[in-house]
Amino acid sequence: MLGDCRDWHDVSVIEVQELTKTFGTVRAVDGVSFTARPGEVTGFLGPNGAGKTTTLRMMLGLVAPTSGRALINGRRYVDLERPVVEVGAALEATGFNPGRSARDHLRVACTAAGLPTRRADEALETTGLKEAADRRVLGFSLGMRQRLALAEAILGEPRVLILDEPANGLDPAGIRWLRDFLRHLADIGCTVLVSSHVLAEVEQVADHVVIVARGRVLRDAPLAELVRGGELKVGTRQPEQLRRALEEAGATVRFEDDRLWVSGVDAEQVGRAALDAGAVLTELVEERSGLEHVFLELTRAEMGEAG
């Protein structure tokens, strides 16, 4: 397991500043700016073709930006003295020699990075691959290759982790393990940036969300701000009595589909107002605005504008 990163809060940060990439006449990334901070899991979300992977590749020096810059710990990735101990990255679960075992693959990576080879076994145990350490990668499932890519990313015990679709190919148990692992990294002070299409999983683990479409940032906000509680759906046989009582209590109330839709008060206050008004409640449900809803609304609006 990685060591505690909390002593590095002032430096283990990702800063993306007006990053732009043009391929011919196509602007794949258009002035993207955001910050991923220590102690947080930042979800980097967008539909296919949104520019997510291109942005990550520019951050890691794999693609040269047309303009703008990405800094990790205050420097470009290519300027880091020992990037493997500062940044761990897994952009795709490929590039393995199929004839090598998982352990041999990681030992080669350790040697190339100047790390002790014991880190190979430690990373395999951390990522749940200990029992498969001597198996050839040729026989690995996609989920196992994802775990191996993550094991390679954490060899240097980095304080920053950048992952592109890490849940791809994982079974439900693997997804749960990944969620717990990413949460652990954030809890010990690491900076975790995750690009993913699995919105339900991102909603369970992310602290902050950056949503992009057509190469532009649509929303950059704490997750709690995006998915905070919505309205209360209230059913009653005395809607007018309850409406008056709720409005007197400071609530905003609208009537639709034979229900009262209430905001500005919580469920306990609704119950108290119903009791005082002599209204019988037949339904009381909190309608949350989930991440999937927010994501679809934002990206749908962007695609509509572009179309």
C-alpha atoms as a PDB file:
ATOM      1  CA  MET A   1       0.000   0.000   0.000  1.00  0.00           C
ATOM      2  CA  LEU A   2       1.155   3.523  -0.668  1.00  0.00           C
ATOM      3  CA  GLY A   3       2.550   5.620   2.144  1.00  0.00           C
ATOM      4  CA  ASP A   4       0.842   8.655   3.632  1.00  0.00           C
ATOM      5  CA  CYS A   5       0.826  11.599   1.186  1.00  0.00           C
ATOM      6  CA  ARG A   6      -0.567  14.195   3.559  1.00  0.00           C
ATOM      7  CA  ASP A   7       2.793  15.859   4.162  1.00  0.00           C
ATOM      8  CA  TRP A   8       2.880  16.763   0.429  1.00  0.00           C
ATOM      9  CA  HIS A   9      -0.373  18.767   0.246  1.00  0.00           C
ATOM     10  CA  ASP A  10       1.298  21.949  -0.937  1.00  0.00           C
ATOM     11  CA  VAL A  11       2.898  20.386  -4.003  1.00  0.00           C
ATOM     12  CA  SER A  12       0.951  17.296  -5.138  1.00  0.00           C
ATOM     13  CA  VAL A  13      -1.474  19.127  -7.370  1.00  0.00           C
ATOM     14  CA  ILE A  14      -2.489  18.998 -11.038  1.00  0.00           C
ATOM     15  CA  GLU A  15      -3.054  22.315 -12.795  1.00  0.00           C
ATOM     16  CA  VAL A  16      -4.406  22.411 -16.340  1.00  0.00           C
ATOM     17  CA  GLN A  17      -4.271  25.902 -17.832  1.00  0.00           C
ATOM     18  CA  GLU A  18      -6.037  26.781 -21.114  1.00  0.00           C
ATOM     19  CA  LEU A  19      -4.917  23.523 -22.674  1.00  0.00           C
ATOM     20  CA  THR A  20      -5.683  23.310 -26.394  1.00  0.00           C
ATOM     21  CA  LYS A  21      -4.911  20.702 -29.044  1.00  0.00           C
ATOM     22  CA  THR A  22      -5.671  20.946 -32.732  1.00  0.00           C
ATOM     23  CA  PHE A  23      -5.286  18.056 -35.173  1.00  0.00           C
ATOM     24  CA  GLY A  24      -5.416  19.613 -38.627  1.00  0.00           C
ATOM     25  CA  THR A  25      -8.744  21.448 -38.728  1.00  0.00           C
ATOM     26  CA  VAL A  26     -10.143  19.584 -35.704  1.00  0.00           C
ATOM     27  CA  ARG A  27      -9.867  21.220 -32.287  1.00  0.00           C
ATOM     28  CA  ALA A  28      -9.925  18.187 -30.004  1.00  0.00           C
ATOM     29  CA  VAL A  29      -9.275  20.155 -26.810  1.00  0.00           C
ATOM     30  CA  ASP A  30     -10.400  23.763 -26.584  1.00  0.00           C
ATOM     31  CA  GLY A  31      -9.000  25.845 -23.721  1.00  0.00           C
ATOM     32  CA  VAL A  32      -9.480  23.286 -20.940  1.00  0.00           C
ATOM     33  CA  SER A  33      -8.619  24.532 -17.443  1.00  0.00           C
ATOM     34  CA  PHE A  34      -9.113  22.838 -14.080  1.00  0.00           C
ATOM     35  CA  THR A  35      -7.268  21.867 -10.914  1.00  0.00           C
ATOM     36  CA  ALA A  36      -7.124  18.457  -9.205  1.00  0.00           C
ATOM     37  CA  ARG A  37      -6.198  18.813  -5.549  1.00  0.00           C
ATOM     38  CA  PRO A  38      -4.568  16.633  -2.893  1.00  0.00           C
ATOM     39  CA  GLY A  39      -6.907  14.627  -0.716  1.00  0.00           C
ATOM     40  CA  GLU A  40      -9.566  14.450  -3.427  1.00  0.00           C
ATOM     41  CA  VAL A  41     -10.714  12.121  -6.176  1.00  0.00           C
ATOM     42  CA  THR A  42     -11.470  14.275  -9.218  1.00  0.00           C
ATOM     43  CA  GLY A  43     -13.735  12.729 -11.842  1.00  0.00           C
ATOM     44  CA  PHE A  44     -12.933  13.788 -15.423  1.00  0.00           C
ATOM     45  CA  LEU A  45     -16.093  13.045 -17.386  1.00  0.00           C
ATOM     46  CA  GLY A  46     -17.395  13.473 -20.898  1.00  0.00           C
ATOM     47  CA  PRO A  47     -18.986  11.582 -23.810  1.00  0.00           C
ATOM     48  CA  ASN A  48     -16.915   9.778 -26.421  1.00  0.00           C
ATOM     49  CA  GLY A  49     -14.847  12.251 -28.410  1.00  0.00           C
ATOM     50  CA  ALA A  50     -14.963  14.894 -25.679  1.00  0.00           C
ATOM     51  CA  GLY A  51     -11.166  15.219 -25.572  1.00  0.00           C
ATOM     52  CA  LYS A  52     -10.588  13.483 -22.246  1.00  0.00           C
ATOM     53  CA  THR A  53      -7.858  11.061 -23.326  1.00  0.00           C
ATOM     54  CA  THR A  54      -6.097  13.716 -25.429  1.00  0.00           C
ATOM     55  CA  THR A  55      -6.064  15.989 -22.383  1.00  0.00           C
ATOM     56  CA  LEU A  56      -4.580  13.246 -20.200  1.00  0.00           C
ATOM     57  CA  ARG A  57      -1.954  12.445 -22.812  1.00  0.00           C
ATOM     58  CA  MET A  58      -0.923  16.106 -22.971  1.00  0.00           C
ATOM     59  CA  MET A  59      -0.650  16.167 -19.186  1.00  0.00           C
ATOM     60  CA  LEU A  60       1.759  13.238 -19.357  1.00  0.00           C
ATOM     61  CA  GLY A  61       3.904  14.624 -22.183  1.00  0.00           C
ATOM     62  CA  LEU A  62       2.698  12.042 -24.703  1.00  0.00           C
ATOM     63  CA  VAL A  63       1.085  14.662 -26.942  1.00  0.00           C
ATOM     64  CA  ALA A  64       2.388  18.210 -27.417  1.00  0.00           C
ATOM     65  CA  PRO A  65      -0.273  20.853 -26.764  1.00  0.00           C
ATOM     66  CA  THR A  66      -1.041  23.439 -29.419  1.00  0.00           C
ATOM     67  CA  SER A  67      -1.261  25.984 -26.616  1.00  0.00           C
ATOM     68  CA  GLY A  68      -1.673  26.115 -22.859  1.00  0.00           C
ATOM     69  CA  ARG A  69       0.073  23.909 -20.344  1.00  0.00           C
ATOM     70  CA  ALA A  70      -0.433  21.222 -17.725  1.00  0.00           C
ATOM     71  CA  LEU A  71       1.582  21.262 -14.526  1.00  0.00           C
ATOM     72  CA  ILE A  72       2.079  18.484 -12.002  1.00  0.00           C
ATOM     73  CA  ASN A  73       3.645  19.579  -8.753  1.00  0.00           C
ATOM     74  CA  GLY A  74       4.310  22.949 -10.397  1.00  0.00           C
ATOM     75  CA  ARG A  75       6.227  21.535 -13.378  1.00  0.00           C
ATOM     76  CA  ARG A  76       5.531  19.942 -16.725  1.00  0.00           C
ATOM     77  CA  TYR A  77       5.654  16.164 -16.645  1.00  0.00           C
ATOM     78  CA  VAL A  78       8.706  16.110 -18.944  1.00  0.00           C
ATOM     79  CA  ASP A  79      10.566  18.343 -16.467  1.00  0.00           C
ATOM     80  CA  LEU A  80      10.026  16.106 -13.424  1.00  0.00           C
ATOM     81  CA  GLU A  81      13.303  14.620 -12.211  1.00  0.00           C
ATOM     82  CA  ARG A  82      11.831  11.243 -11.238  1.00  0.00           C
ATOM     83  CA  PRO A  83       8.315  11.152 -12.646  1.00  0.00           C
ATOM     84  CA  VAL A  84       7.675   7.567 -11.557  1.00  0.00           C
ATOM     85  CA  VAL A  85       7.803   8.534  -7.879  1.00  0.00           C
ATOM     86  CA  GLU A  86       5.692  11.658  -8.367  1.00  0.00           C
ATOM     87  CA  VAL A  87       3.065  10.562 -10.885  1.00  0.00           C
ATOM     88  CA  GLY A  88       1.468   7.204 -11.531  1.00  0.00           C
ATOM     89  CA  ALA A  89      -0.502   6.841 -14.755  1.00  0.00           C
ATOM     90  CA  ALA A  90      -2.544   4.118 -16.420  1.00  0.00           C
ATOM     91  CA  LEU A  91      -4.093   5.218 -19.713  1.00  0.00           C
ATOM     92  CA  GLU A  92      -4.723   1.807 -21.241  1.00  0.00           C
ATOM     93  CA  ALA A  93      -4.291  -1.821 -20.229  1.00  0.00           C
ATOM     94  CA  THR A  94      -1.969  -2.675 -23.131  1.00  0.00           C
ATOM     95  CA  GLY A  95       1.735  -2.615 -23.850  1.00  0.00           C
ATOM     96  CA  PHE A  96       2.515  -5.781 -21.883  1.00  0.00           C
ATOM     97  CA  ASN A  97       4.793  -8.518 -23.204  1.00  0.00           C
ATOM     98  CA  PRO A  98       2.280 -11.408 -23.405  1.00  0.00           C
ATOM     99  CA  GLY A  99       4.982 -13.978 -22.732  1.00  0.00           C
ATOM    100  CA  ARG A 100       6.076 -12.452 -19.427  1.00  0.00           C
ATOM    101  CA  SER A 101       4.530 -13.099 -16.065  1.00  0.00           C
ATOM    102  CA  ALA A 102       2.940 -10.250 -14.158  1.00  0.00           C
ATOM    103  CA  ARG A 103       5.819 -10.301 -11.655  1.00  0.00           C
ATOM    104  CA  ASP A 104       8.490 -10.229 -14.366  1.00  0.00           C
ATOM    105  CA  HIS A 105       6.736  -7.385 -16.149  1.00  0.00           C
ATOM    106  CA  LEU A 106       6.741  -5.276 -12.992  1.00  0.00           C
ATOM    107  CA  ARG A 107      10.315  -6.203 -12.095  1.00  0.00           C
ATOM    108  CA  VAL A 108      11.472  -4.995 -15.514  1.00  0.00           C
ATOM    109  CA  ALA A 109       9.564  -1.764 -14.930  1.00  0.00           C
ATOM    110  CA  CYS A 110      11.195  -1.401 -11.503  1.00  0.00           C
ATOM    111  CA  THR A 111      14.667  -1.863 -12.934  1.00  0.00           C
ATOM    112  CA  ALA A 112      14.013   0.657 -15.699  1.00  0.00           C
ATOM    113  CA  ALA A 113      12.788   3.207 -13.135  1.00  0.00           C
ATOM    114  CA  GLY A 114      15.562   2.594 -10.613  1.00  0.00           C
ATOM    115  CA  LEU A 115      13.171   1.134  -8.038  1.00  0.00           C
ATOM    116  CA  PRO A 116      13.810  -1.873  -5.787  1.00  0.00           C
ATOM    117  CA  THR A 117      12.347  -5.010  -7.351  1.00  0.00           C
ATOM    118  CA  ARG A 118      10.498  -5.818  -4.103  1.00  0.00           C
ATOM    119  CA  ARG A 119       8.026  -3.135  -5.178  1.00  0.00           C
ATOM    120  CA  ALA A 120       6.764  -5.541  -7.855  1.00  0.00           C
ATOM    121  CA  ASP A 121       5.426  -8.022  -5.293  1.00  0.00           C
ATOM    122  CA  GLU A 122       4.087  -5.231  -3.070  1.00  0.00           C
ATOM    123  CA  ALA A 123       2.163  -3.704  -5.971  1.00  0.00           C
ATOM    124  CA  LEU A 124       0.808  -7.096  -7.027  1.00  0.00           C
ATOM    125  CA  GLU A 125      -0.498  -7.706  -3.520  1.00  0.00           C
ATOM    126  CA  THR A 126      -2.028  -4.230  -3.312  1.00  0.00           C
ATOM    127  CA  THR A 127      -3.904  -4.690  -6.588  1.00  0.00           C
ATOM    128  CA  GLY A 128      -5.133  -8.210  -5.826  1.00  0.00           C
ATOM    129  CA  LEU A 129      -2.845  -9.987  -8.295  1.00  0.00           C
ATOM    130  CA  LYS A 130      -0.630 -11.842  -5.808  1.00  0.00           C
ATOM    131  CA  GLU A 131      -2.046 -15.237  -6.732  1.00  0.00           C
ATOM    132  CA  ALA A 132      -1.579 -14.519 -10.445  1.00  0.00           C
ATOM    133  CA  ALA A 133       1.971 -13.151 -10.112  1.00  0.00           C
ATOM    134  CA  ASP A 134       3.594 -16.011 -12.040  1.00  0.00           C
ATOM    135  CA  ARG A 135       0.951 -16.314 -14.741  1.00  0.00           C
ATOM    136  CA  ARG A 136       1.759 -15.059 -18.221  1.00  0.00           C
ATOM    137  CA  VAL A 137      -0.058 -11.867 -19.177  1.00  0.00           C
ATOM    138  CA  LEU A 138      -1.244 -13.639 -22.353  1.00  0.00           C
ATOM    139  CA  GLY A 139      -3.867 -15.449 -20.259  1.00  0.00           C
ATOM    140  CA  PHE A 140      -5.079 -12.369 -18.365  1.00  0.00           C
ATOM    141  CA  SER A 141      -8.623 -11.096 -18.710  1.00  0.00           C
ATOM    142  CA  LEU A 142      -9.199  -7.404 -19.426  1.00  0.00           C
ATOM    143  CA  GLY A 143      -9.959  -6.831 -15.758  1.00  0.00           C
ATOM    144  CA  MET A 144      -6.683  -8.471 -14.711  1.00  0.00           C
ATOM    145  CA  ARG A 145      -4.770  -6.352 -17.227  1.00  0.00           C
ATOM    146  CA  GLN A 146      -6.426  -3.281 -15.746  1.00  0.00           C
ATOM    147  CA  ARG A 147      -5.168  -4.299 -12.313  1.00  0.00           C
ATOM    148  CA  LEU A 148      -1.681  -4.913 -13.721  1.00  0.00           C
ATOM    149  CA  ALA A 149      -1.655  -1.454 -15.328  1.00  0.00           C
ATOM    150  CA  LEU A 150      -2.625   0.024 -11.964  1.00  0.00           C
ATOM    151  CA  ALA A 151       0.073  -2.023 -10.215  1.00  0.00           C
ATOM    152  CA  GLU A 152       2.647  -0.552 -12.600  1.00  0.00           C
ATOM    153  CA  ALA A 153       1.290   2.948 -11.958  1.00  0.00           C
ATOM    154  CA  ILE A 154       1.848   2.665  -8.193  1.00  0.00           C
ATOM    155  CA  LEU A 155       5.326   1.092  -8.298  1.00  0.00           C
ATOM    156  CA  GLY A 156       6.984   4.371  -7.335  1.00  0.00           C
ATOM    157  CA  GLU A 157       4.435   5.079  -4.571  1.00  0.00           C
ATOM    158  CA  PRO A 158       3.455   8.332  -6.321  1.00  0.00           C
ATOM    159  CA  ARG A 159       1.508  11.135  -4.706  1.00  0.00           C
ATOM    160  CA  VAL A 160      -0.426  11.827  -7.945  1.00  0.00           C
ATOM    161  CA  LEU A 161      -2.406   9.192  -9.857  1.00  0.00           C
ATOM    162  CA  ILE A 162      -3.924   9.692 -13.322  1.00  0.00           C
ATOM    163  CA  LEU A 163      -6.222   6.950 -14.615  1.00  0.00           C
ATOM    164  CA  ASP A 164      -8.190   6.611 -17.850  1.00  0.00           C
ATOM    165  CA  GLU A 165     -11.223   4.307 -17.606  1.00  0.00           C
ATOM    166  CA  PRO A 166      -9.741   2.148 -14.816  1.00  0.00           C
ATOM    167  CA  ALA A 167     -13.012   0.266 -14.237  1.00  0.00           C
ATOM    168  CA  ASN A 168     -13.186  -0.992 -17.824  1.00  0.00           C
ATOM    169  CA  GLY A 169     -13.355  -4.789 -17.770  1.00  0.00           C
ATOM    170  CA  LEU A 170     -13.615  -5.135 -13.989  1.00  0.00           C
ATOM    171  CA  ASP A 171     -16.319  -7.318 -12.503  1.00  0.00           C
ATOM    172  CA  PRO A 172     -18.566  -5.944  -9.706  1.00  0.00           C
ATOM    173  CA  ALA A 173     -16.137  -7.086  -7.004  1.00  0.00           C
ATOM    174  CA  GLY A 174     -13.254  -5.465  -8.884  1.00  0.00           C
ATOM    175  CA  ILE A 175     -15.152  -2.210  -9.260  1.00  0.00           C
ATOM    176  CA  ARG A 176     -15.884  -2.191  -5.534  1.00  0.00           C
ATOM    177  CA  TRP A 177     -12.195  -2.847  -4.811  1.00  0.00           C
ATOM    178  CA  LEU A 178     -11.151  -0.019  -7.155  1.00  0.00           C
ATOM    179  CA  ARG A 179     -13.566   2.395  -5.502  1.00  0.00           C
ATOM    180  CA  ASP A 180     -12.227   1.568  -2.044  1.00  0.00           C
ATOM    181  CA  PHE A 181      -8.626   1.846  -3.258  1.00  0.00           C
ATOM    182  CA  LEU A 182      -9.109   5.265  -4.852  1.00  0.00           C
ATOM    183  CA  ARG A 183     -10.915   6.465  -1.748  1.00  0.00           C
ATOM    184  CA  HIS A 184      -7.996   5.254   0.384  1.00  0.00           C
ATOM    185  CA  LEU A 185      -5.511   7.150  -1.773  1.00  0.00           C
ATOM    186  CA  ALA A 186      -7.465  10.380  -1.403  1.00  0.00           C
ATOM    187  CA  ASP A 187      -7.866   9.823   2.338  1.00  0.00           C
ATOM    188  CA  ILE A 188      -4.091   9.636   2.794  1.00  0.00           C
ATOM    189  CA  GLY A 189      -3.671  12.885   0.878  1.00  0.00           C
ATOM    190  CA  CYS A 190      -2.904  11.814  -2.686  1.00  0.00           C
ATOM    191  CA  THR A 191      -4.238  13.592  -5.771  1.00  0.00           C
ATOM    192  CA  VAL A 192      -6.373  11.235  -7.872  1.00  0.00           C
ATOM    193  CA  LEU A 193      -7.690  12.125 -11.349  1.00  0.00           C
ATOM    194  CA  VAL A 194      -9.993   9.546 -12.930  1.00  0.00           C
ATOM    195  CA  SER A 195     -11.510   9.651 -16.391  1.00  0.00           C
ATOM    196  CA  SER A 196     -14.500   7.327 -16.556  1.00  0.00           C
ATOM    197  CA  HIS A 197     -17.792   6.547 -18.268  1.00  0.00           C
ATOM    198  CA  VAL A 198     -19.106   4.665 -15.209  1.00  0.00           C
ATOM    199  CA  LEU A 199     -21.000   7.599 -13.726  1.00  0.00           C
ATOM    200  CA  ALA A 200     -22.578   5.627 -10.890  1.00  0.00           C
ATOM    201  CA  GLU A 201     -19.140   4.614  -9.646  1.00  0.00           C
ATOM    202  CA  VAL A 202     -17.732   8.121 -10.016  1.00  0.00           C
ATOM    203  CA  GLU A 203     -20.642   9.452  -7.983  1.00  0.00           C
ATOM    204  CA  GLN A 204     -19.767   7.085  -5.144  1.00  0.00           C
ATOM    205  CA  VAL A 205     -16.072   7.974  -4.957  1.00  0.00           C
ATOM    206  CA  ALA A 206     -15.452  11.450  -6.407  1.00  0.00           C
ATOM    207  CA  ASP A 207     -15.099  14.642  -4.386  1.00  0.00           C
ATOM    208  CA  HIS A 208     -14.908  16.947  -7.402  1.00  0.00           C
ATOM    209  CA  VAL A 209     -16.115  16.618 -10.990  1.00  0.00           C
ATOM    210  CA  VAL A 210     -14.979  18.175 -14.267  1.00  0.00           C
ATOM    211  CA  ILE A 211     -17.408  17.585 -17.151  1.00  0.00           C
ATOM    212  CA  VAL A 212     -16.250  18.200 -20.724  1.00  0.00           C
ATOM    213  CA  ALA A 213     -17.836  17.940 -24.174  1.00  0.00           C
ATOM    214  CA  ARG A 214     -16.452  18.835 -27.584  1.00  0.00           C
ATOM    215  CA  GLY A 215     -13.153  19.714 -25.961  1.00  0.00           C
ATOM    216  CA  ARG A 216     -14.583  22.347 -23.604  1.00  0.00           C
ATOM    217  CA  VAL A 217     -15.220  22.369 -19.865  1.00  0.00           C
ATOM    218  CA  LEU A 218     -18.947  22.492 -19.170  1.00  0.00           C
ATOM    219  CA  ARG A 219     -18.821  22.237 -15.396  1.00  0.00           C
ATOM    220  CA  ASP A 220     -16.070  22.235 -12.777  1.00  0.00           C
ATOM    221  CA  ALA A 221     -17.509  21.858  -9.286  1.00  0.00           C
ATOM    222  CA  PRO A 222     -17.575  19.790  -6.089  1.00  0.00           C
ATOM    223  CA  LEU A 223     -19.736  16.699  -6.548  1.00  0.00           C
ATOM    224  CA  ALA A 224     -21.897  17.664  -3.565  1.00  0.00           C
ATOM    225  CA  GLU A 225     -22.778  20.929  -5.297  1.00  0.00           C
ATOM    226  CA  LEU A 226     -23.858  19.133  -8.467  1.00  0.00           C
ATOM    227  CA  VAL A 227     -25.955  16.394  -6.877  1.00  0.00           C
ATOM    228  CA  ARG A 228     -27.264  18.120  -3.771  1.00  0.00           C
ATOM    229  CA  GLY A 229     -30.754  17.133  -2.703  1.00  0.00           C
ATOM    230  CA  GLY A 230     -33.449  18.229  -5.094  1.00  0.00           C
ATOM    231  CA  GLU A 231     -37.151  18.540  -4.368  1.00  0.00           C
ATOM    232  CA  LEU A 232     -39.365  16.558  -2.047  1.00  0.00           C
ATOM    233  CA  LYS A 233     -42.242  14.814  -3.806  1.00  0.00           C
ATOM    234  CA  VAL A 234     -45.230  14.975  -1.470  1.00  0.00           C
ATOM    235  CA  GLY A 235     -48.550  13.203  -1.877  1.00  0.00           C
ATOM    236  CA  THR A 236     -51.532  14.239   0.227  1.00  0.00           C
ATOM    237  CA  ARG A 237     -55.330  14.191   0.216  1.00  0.00           C
ATOM    238  CA  GLN A 238     -55.375  17.836   1.292  1.00  0.00           C
ATOM    239  CA  PRO A 239     -52.977  19.550  -1.140  1.00  0.00           C
ATOM    240  CA  GLU A 240     -54.208  23.137  -0.660  1.00  0.00           C
ATOM    241  CA  GLN A 241     -54.109  22.923   3.142  1.00  0.00           C
ATOM    242  CA  LEU A 242     -50.607  21.495   3.069  1.00  0.00           C
ATOM    243  CA  ARG A 243     -49.427  23.951   0.424  1.00  0.00           C
ATOM    244  CA  ARG A 244     -50.444  26.895   2.605  1.00  0.00           C
ATOM    245  CA  ALA A 245     -48.814  25.387   5.688  1.00  0.00           C
ATOM    246  CA  LEU A 246     -45.562  24.705   3.814  1.00  0.00           C
ATOM    247  CA  GLU A 247     -45.396  28.160   2.298  1.00  0.00           C
ATOM    248  CA  GLU A 248     -45.920  29.650   5.746  1.00  0.00           C
ATOM    249  CA  ALA A 249     -42.941  27.568   6.877  1.00  0.00           C
ATOM    250  CA  GLY A 250     -40.802  29.151   4.143  1.00  0.00           C
ATOM    251  CA  ALA A 251     -40.982  26.389   1.524  1.00  0.00           C
ATOM    252  CA  THR A 252     -41.295  26.821  -2.219  1.00  0.00           C
ATOM    253  CA  VAL A 253     -44.151  24.659  -3.488  1.00  0.00           C
ATOM    254  CA  ARG A 254     -45.441  23.757  -6.932  1.00  0.00           C
ATOM    255  CA  PHE A 255     -48.267  21.395  -7.874  1.00  0.00           C
ATOM    256  CA  GLU A 256     -47.703  18.912 -10.682  1.00  0.00           C
ATOM    257  CA  ASP A 257     -48.880  15.366 -11.484  1.00  0.00           C
ATOM    258  CA  ASP A 258     -51.171  15.368  -8.435  1.00  0.00           C
ATOM    259  CA  ARG A 259     -48.162  15.912  -6.181  1.00  0.00           C
ATOM    260  CA  LEU A 260     -46.674  18.805  -4.298  1.00  0.00           C
ATOM    261  CA  TRP A 261     -43.038  19.401  -5.244  1.00  0.00           C
ATOM    262  CA  VAL A 262     -41.384  21.086  -2.292  1.00  0.00           C
ATOM    263  CA  SER A 263     -37.983  22.740  -1.809  1.00  0.00           C
ATOM    264  CA  GLY A 264     -36.495  24.869   0.954  1.00  0.00           C
ATOM    265  CA  VAL A 265     -37.496  22.554   3.802  1.00  0.00           C
ATOM    266  CA  ASP A 266     -36.564  19.018   4.811  1.00  0.00           C
ATOM    267  CA  ALA A 267     -38.756  15.933   5.244  1.00  0.00           C
ATOM    268  CA  GLU A 268     -39.168  16.473   8.989  1.00  0.00           C
ATOM    269  CA  GLN A 269     -40.486  19.991   8.405  1.00  0.00           C
ATOM    270  CA  VAL A 270     -42.940  18.660   5.820  1.00  0.00           C
ATOM    271  CA  GLY A 271     -44.208  16.118   8.325  1.00  0.00           C
ATOM    272  CA  ARG A 272     -44.608  18.771  11.009  1.00  0.00           C
ATOM    273  CA  ALA A 273     -46.464  21.098   8.631  1.00  0.00           C
ATOM    274  CA  ALA A 274     -48.768  18.265   7.586  1.00  0.00           C
ATOM    275  CA  LEU A 275     -49.553  17.486  11.215  1.00  0.00           C
ATOM    276  CA  ASP A 276     -50.295  21.125  12.011  1.00  0.00           C
ATOM    277  CA  ALA A 277     -52.501  21.470   8.921  1.00  0.00           C
ATOM    278  CA  GLY A 278     -54.373  18.225   9.550  1.00  0.00           C
ATOM    279  CA  ALA A 279     -53.193  16.892   6.162  1.00  0.00           C
ATOM    280  CA  VAL A 280     -52.668  13.178   5.565  1.00  0.00           C
ATOM    281  CA  LEU A 281     -49.426  12.307   3.787  1.00  0.00           C
ATOM    282  CA  THR A 282     -49.619   9.494   1.248  1.00  0.00           C
ATOM    283  CA  GLU A 283     -46.117   9.951  -0.173  1.00  0.00           C
ATOM    284  CA  LEU A 284     -42.877  11.672   0.844  1.00  0.00           C
ATOM    285  CA  VAL A 285     -39.846  11.045  -1.365  1.00  0.00           C
ATOM    286  CA  GLU A 286     -36.642  13.005  -1.900  1.00  0.00           C
ATOM    287  CA  GLU A 287     -35.908  13.405  -5.608  1.00  0.00           C
ATOM    288  CA  ARG A 288     -32.138  13.745  -5.906  1.00  0.00           C
ATOM    289  CA  SER A 289     -30.462  15.266  -8.919  1.00  0.00           C
ATOM    290  CA  GLY A 290     -27.903  12.506  -9.532  1.00  0.00           C
ATOM    291  CA  LEU A 291     -24.640  12.814 -11.443  1.00  0.00           C
ATOM    292  CA  GLU A 292     -26.031  10.943 -14.441  1.00  0.00           C
ATOM    293  CA  HIS A 293     -28.923  13.407 -14.699  1.00  0.00           C
ATOM    294  CA  VAL A 294     -26.594  16.422 -14.433  1.00  0.00           C
ATOM    295  CA  PHE A 295     -24.155  14.910 -16.931  1.00  0.00           C
ATOM    296  CA  LEU A 296     -26.845  14.145 -19.508  1.00  0.00           C
ATOM    297  CA  GLU A 297     -28.454  17.564 -19.160  1.00  0.00           C
ATOM    298  CA  LEU A 298     -25.149  19.399 -19.601  1.00  0.00           C
ATOM    299  CA  THR A 299     -23.870  17.316 -22.501  1.00  0.00           C
ATOM    300  CA  ARG A 300     -27.258  17.287 -24.230  1.00  0.00           C
ATOM    301  CA  ALA A 301     -27.372  21.083 -24.093  1.00  0.00           C
ATOM    302  CA  GLU A 302     -23.809  21.313 -25.478  1.00  0.00           C
ATOM    303  CA  MET A 303     -24.532  18.896 -28.328  1.00  0.00           C
ATOM    304  CA  GLY A 304     -27.714  20.794 -29.117  1.00  0.00           C
ATOM    305  CA  GLU A 305     -25.810  24.083 -29.329  1.00  0.00           C
ATOM    306  CA  ALA A 306     -23.112  22.526 -31.500  1.00  0.00           C
ATOM    307  CA  GLY A 307     -25.663  20.921 -33.784  1.00  0.00           C
END
